[in-house]
Amino acid sequence: MQGNQPLTNREKNMILMKSIMDYGMGTLWFSMGIFIIFVKNIKPDLQYQFDDPMMKIFGGICIIYGSFRIYRGYKKNYLRER
């Protein structure tokens, strides 16, 4: 795509598909991070498997990555000049 040409239907559909995928994957990653960090409150049976400082760090990274994917889906900046 060059300059300020309007988007074709194929490009619009591709942007919509990628945006929906980013929202969905972002929600999954964010939810997994919340689950790992707050597993003690959600399901006490799993407390001993996931109650480790490294798992808390991994949960924080999952939340950050999930937030990034949701933000990228919101911005829809997929077709840019190279």
N, C-alpha and C. Protein backbone atom coordinates (compact mmCIF):
# COMPACT_ATOMS: atom_id res chain seq x y z
N MET A 1 0.85 -1.17 0.00
CA MET A 1 0.00 0.00 0.00
C MET A 1 0.89 1.23 0.00
N GLN A 2 0.62 2.17 -0.87
CA GLN A 2 1.46 3.35 -0.97
C GLN A 2 0.63 4.60 -0.73
N GLY A 3 1.23 5.55 0.00
CA GLY A 3 0.58 6.84 0.20
C GLY A 3 -0.71 6.75 0.99
N ASN A 4 -1.69 7.51 0.53
CA ASN A 4 -2.98 7.57 1.22
C ASN A 4 -4.07 6.88 0.43
N GLN A 5 -3.75 5.77 -0.21
CA GLN A 5 -4.75 5.03 -0.97
C GLN A 5 -5.74 4.39 0.00
N PRO A 6 -7.02 4.32 -0.40
CA PRO A 6 -8.00 3.67 0.48
C PRO A 6 -7.71 2.17 0.58
N LEU A 7 -8.13 1.59 1.68
CA LEU A 7 -7.92 0.16 1.92
C LEU A 7 -8.88 -0.66 1.07
N THR A 8 -8.39 -1.78 0.56
CA THR A 8 -9.25 -2.70 -0.17
C THR A 8 -10.05 -3.53 0.84
N ASN A 9 -11.07 -4.23 0.34
CA ASN A 9 -11.88 -5.07 1.22
C ASN A 9 -11.03 -6.17 1.86
N ARG A 10 -10.09 -6.71 1.09
CA ARG A 10 -9.22 -7.76 1.63
C ARG A 10 -8.38 -7.22 2.79
N GLU A 11 -7.83 -6.03 2.65
CA GLU A 11 -7.03 -5.43 3.71
C GLU A 11 -7.88 -5.11 4.94
N LYS A 12 -9.10 -4.63 4.72
CA LYS A 12 -10.00 -4.35 5.85
C LYS A 12 -10.33 -5.63 6.61
N ASN A 13 -10.60 -6.71 5.86
CA ASN A 13 -10.91 -7.99 6.51
C ASN A 13 -9.71 -8.54 7.26
N MET A 14 -8.51 -8.37 6.70
CA MET A 14 -7.30 -8.83 7.37
C MET A 14 -7.09 -8.05 8.69
N ILE A 15 -7.31 -6.75 8.65
CA ILE A 15 -7.16 -5.93 9.86
C ILE A 15 -8.18 -6.36 10.91
N LEU A 16 -9.42 -6.60 10.49
CA LEU A 16 -10.46 -7.03 11.43
C LEU A 16 -10.10 -8.39 12.05
N MET A 17 -9.63 -9.33 11.23
CA MET A 17 -9.27 -10.66 11.72
C MET A 17 -8.12 -10.58 12.72
N LYS A 18 -7.08 -9.81 12.39
CA LYS A 18 -5.94 -9.68 13.30
C LYS A 18 -6.34 -8.98 14.58
N SER A 19 -7.22 -8.00 14.49
CA SER A 19 -7.67 -7.29 15.68
C SER A 19 -8.45 -8.22 16.61
N ILE A 20 -9.34 -9.00 16.06
CA ILE A 20 -10.11 -9.95 16.87
C ILE A 20 -9.19 -10.98 17.50
N MET A 21 -8.20 -11.47 16.73
CA MET A 21 -7.25 -12.43 17.27
C MET A 21 -6.43 -11.82 18.41
N ASP A 22 -6.00 -10.56 18.25
CA ASP A 22 -5.25 -9.91 19.32
C ASP A 22 -6.10 -9.72 20.58
N TYR A 23 -7.37 -9.34 20.42
CA TYR A 23 -8.25 -9.21 21.58
C TYR A 23 -8.40 -10.55 22.29
N GLY A 24 -8.65 -11.61 21.53
CA GLY A 24 -8.84 -12.93 22.12
C GLY A 24 -7.60 -13.45 22.81
N MET A 25 -6.46 -13.40 22.13
CA MET A 25 -5.22 -13.88 22.73
C MET A 25 -4.80 -13.01 23.91
N GLY A 26 -5.00 -11.71 23.80
CA GLY A 26 -4.68 -10.82 24.92
C GLY A 26 -5.51 -11.15 26.14
N THR A 27 -6.78 -11.43 25.93
CA THR A 27 -7.66 -11.80 27.04
C THR A 27 -7.21 -13.11 27.68
N LEU A 28 -6.83 -14.08 26.85
CA LEU A 28 -6.36 -15.36 27.39
C LEU A 28 -5.07 -15.20 28.20
N TRP A 29 -4.08 -14.47 27.66
CA TRP A 29 -2.82 -14.26 28.38
C TRP A 29 -3.06 -13.49 29.67
N PHE A 30 -3.88 -12.44 29.61
CA PHE A 30 -4.17 -11.63 30.79
C PHE A 30 -4.86 -12.49 31.86
N SER A 31 -5.83 -13.30 31.44
CA SER A 31 -6.54 -14.17 32.39
C SER A 31 -5.62 -15.20 33.01
N MET A 32 -4.71 -15.76 32.21
CA MET A 32 -3.77 -16.74 32.74
C MET A 32 -2.86 -16.09 33.78
N GLY A 33 -2.41 -14.87 33.53
CA GLY A 33 -1.58 -14.16 34.50
C GLY A 33 -2.31 -13.89 35.80
N ILE A 34 -3.56 -13.47 35.70
CA ILE A 34 -4.38 -13.23 36.90
C ILE A 34 -4.55 -14.54 37.67
N PHE A 35 -4.82 -15.63 36.95
CA PHE A 35 -5.00 -16.93 37.61
C PHE A 35 -3.73 -17.35 38.34
N ILE A 36 -2.58 -17.20 37.69
CA ILE A 36 -1.32 -17.65 38.31
C ILE A 36 -1.00 -16.82 39.55
N ILE A 37 -1.23 -15.52 39.47
CA ILE A 37 -0.90 -14.66 40.61
C ILE A 37 -1.86 -14.87 41.78
N PHE A 38 -3.15 -15.03 41.48
CA PHE A 38 -4.15 -15.14 42.54
C PHE A 38 -4.69 -16.56 42.69
N VAL A 39 -3.88 -17.58 42.38
CA VAL A 39 -4.33 -18.96 42.46
C VAL A 39 -4.71 -19.34 43.89
N LYS A 40 -4.07 -18.74 44.86
CA LYS A 40 -4.36 -19.04 46.27
C LYS A 40 -5.80 -18.69 46.62
N ASN A 41 -6.31 -17.59 46.04
CA ASN A 41 -7.68 -17.14 46.33
C ASN A 41 -8.71 -17.85 45.45
N ILE A 42 -8.29 -18.26 44.25
CA ILE A 42 -9.23 -18.85 43.29
C ILE A 42 -9.44 -20.34 43.57
N LYS A 43 -8.35 -21.07 43.68
CA LYS A 43 -8.43 -22.53 43.88
C LYS A 43 -7.35 -22.95 44.87
N PRO A 44 -7.68 -23.04 46.14
CA PRO A 44 -6.67 -23.35 47.17
C PRO A 44 -5.95 -24.68 46.97
N ASP A 45 -6.57 -25.64 46.26
CA ASP A 45 -5.93 -26.95 46.04
C ASP A 45 -4.64 -26.82 45.24
N LEU A 46 -4.57 -25.85 44.34
CA LEU A 46 -3.40 -25.68 43.48
C LEU A 46 -2.35 -24.74 44.09
N GLN A 47 -2.57 -24.30 45.29
CA GLN A 47 -1.68 -23.34 45.94
C GLN A 47 -0.23 -23.82 45.99
N TYR A 48 -0.01 -25.07 46.27
CA TYR A 48 1.35 -25.57 46.45
C TYR A 48 2.09 -25.77 45.12
N GLN A 49 1.35 -25.93 44.03
CA GLN A 49 1.98 -26.08 42.73
C GLN A 49 2.38 -24.74 42.12
N PHE A 50 1.57 -23.71 42.36
CA PHE A 50 1.78 -22.43 41.70
C PHE A 50 2.24 -21.31 42.65
N ASP A 51 2.37 -21.58 43.92
CA ASP A 51 2.76 -20.54 44.87
C ASP A 51 4.29 -20.50 44.99
N ASP A 52 4.92 -19.97 43.95
CA ASP A 52 6.37 -19.88 43.85
C ASP A 52 6.70 -18.48 43.32
N PRO A 53 7.75 -17.84 43.80
CA PRO A 53 8.08 -16.49 43.30
C PRO A 53 8.28 -16.44 41.78
N MET A 54 8.86 -17.49 41.20
CA MET A 54 9.05 -17.51 39.75
C MET A 54 7.71 -17.56 39.01
N MET A 55 6.73 -18.26 39.58
CA MET A 55 5.41 -18.31 38.96
C MET A 55 4.72 -16.94 39.06
N LYS A 56 4.96 -16.23 40.15
CA LYS A 56 4.39 -14.88 40.28
C LYS A 56 4.99 -13.94 39.24
N ILE A 57 6.30 -14.07 39.00
CA ILE A 57 6.96 -13.26 37.98
C ILE A 57 6.40 -13.62 36.60
N PHE A 58 6.25 -14.92 36.34
CA PHE A 58 5.68 -15.36 35.06
C PHE A 58 4.25 -14.84 34.91
N GLY A 59 3.47 -14.84 35.98
CA GLY A 59 2.12 -14.30 35.93
C GLY A 59 2.12 -12.82 35.60
N GLY A 60 3.07 -12.07 36.16
CA GLY A 60 3.18 -10.65 35.85
C GLY A 60 3.54 -10.42 34.39
N ILE A 61 4.44 -11.26 33.86
CA ILE A 61 4.81 -11.16 32.45
C ILE A 61 3.61 -11.49 31.56
N CYS A 62 2.82 -12.47 31.96
CA CYS A 62 1.61 -12.81 31.19
C CYS A 62 0.63 -11.64 31.16
N ILE A 63 0.47 -10.96 32.28
CA ILE A 63 -0.42 -9.81 32.34
C ILE A 63 0.08 -8.68 31.44
N ILE A 64 1.38 -8.43 31.47
CA ILE A 64 1.96 -7.37 30.63
C ILE A 64 1.79 -7.73 29.15
N TYR A 65 2.08 -8.97 28.78
CA TYR A 65 1.96 -9.38 27.38
C TYR A 65 0.50 -9.37 26.93
N GLY A 66 -0.40 -9.81 27.79
CA GLY A 66 -1.82 -9.77 27.45
C GLY A 66 -2.31 -8.35 27.25
N SER A 67 -1.85 -7.44 28.09
CA SER A 67 -2.22 -6.03 27.95
C SER A 67 -1.69 -5.47 26.64
N PHE A 68 -0.46 -5.85 26.27
CA PHE A 68 0.11 -5.41 25.01
C PHE A 68 -0.71 -5.92 23.83
N ARG A 69 -1.13 -7.19 23.86
CA ARG A 69 -1.92 -7.73 22.75
C ARG A 69 -3.27 -7.03 22.64
N ILE A 70 -3.90 -6.73 23.77
CA ILE A 70 -5.18 -6.01 23.73
C ILE A 70 -4.98 -4.61 23.17
N TYR A 71 -3.91 -3.95 23.58
CA TYR A 71 -3.60 -2.60 23.07
C TYR A 71 -3.34 -2.64 21.57
N ARG A 72 -2.59 -3.64 21.11
CA ARG A 72 -2.30 -3.76 19.68
C ARG A 72 -3.58 -4.01 18.88
N GLY A 73 -4.51 -4.80 19.43
CA GLY A 73 -5.79 -5.01 18.77
C GLY A 73 -6.61 -3.74 18.72
N TYR A 74 -6.48 -2.90 19.73
CA TYR A 74 -7.20 -1.63 19.77
C TYR A 74 -6.64 -0.64 18.76
N LYS A 75 -5.32 -0.56 18.64
CA LYS A 75 -4.67 0.40 17.74
C LYS A 75 -4.84 0.01 16.27
N LYS A 76 -4.87 -1.26 15.93
CA LYS A 76 -5.04 -1.76 14.56
C LYS A 76 -4.01 -1.16 13.61
N ASN A 77 -2.77 -1.10 14.03
CA ASN A 77 -1.70 -0.54 13.21
C ASN A 77 -0.94 -1.68 12.51
N TYR A 78 -1.62 -2.40 11.61
CA TYR A 78 -1.01 -3.57 10.99
C TYR A 78 -0.37 -3.27 9.64
N LEU A 79 -0.95 -2.36 8.87
CA LEU A 79 -0.42 -2.03 7.55
C LEU A 79 0.31 -0.71 7.62
N ARG A 80 1.62 -0.78 7.73
CA ARG A 80 2.39 0.45 7.77
C ARG A 80 3.47 0.40 6.70
N GLU A 81 3.94 1.55 6.36
CA GLU A 81 4.98 1.66 5.32
C GLU A 81 6.27 1.03 5.81
N ARG A 82 7.01 0.42 4.91
CA ARG A 82 8.30 -0.18 5.28
C ARG A 82 9.42 0.59 4.70
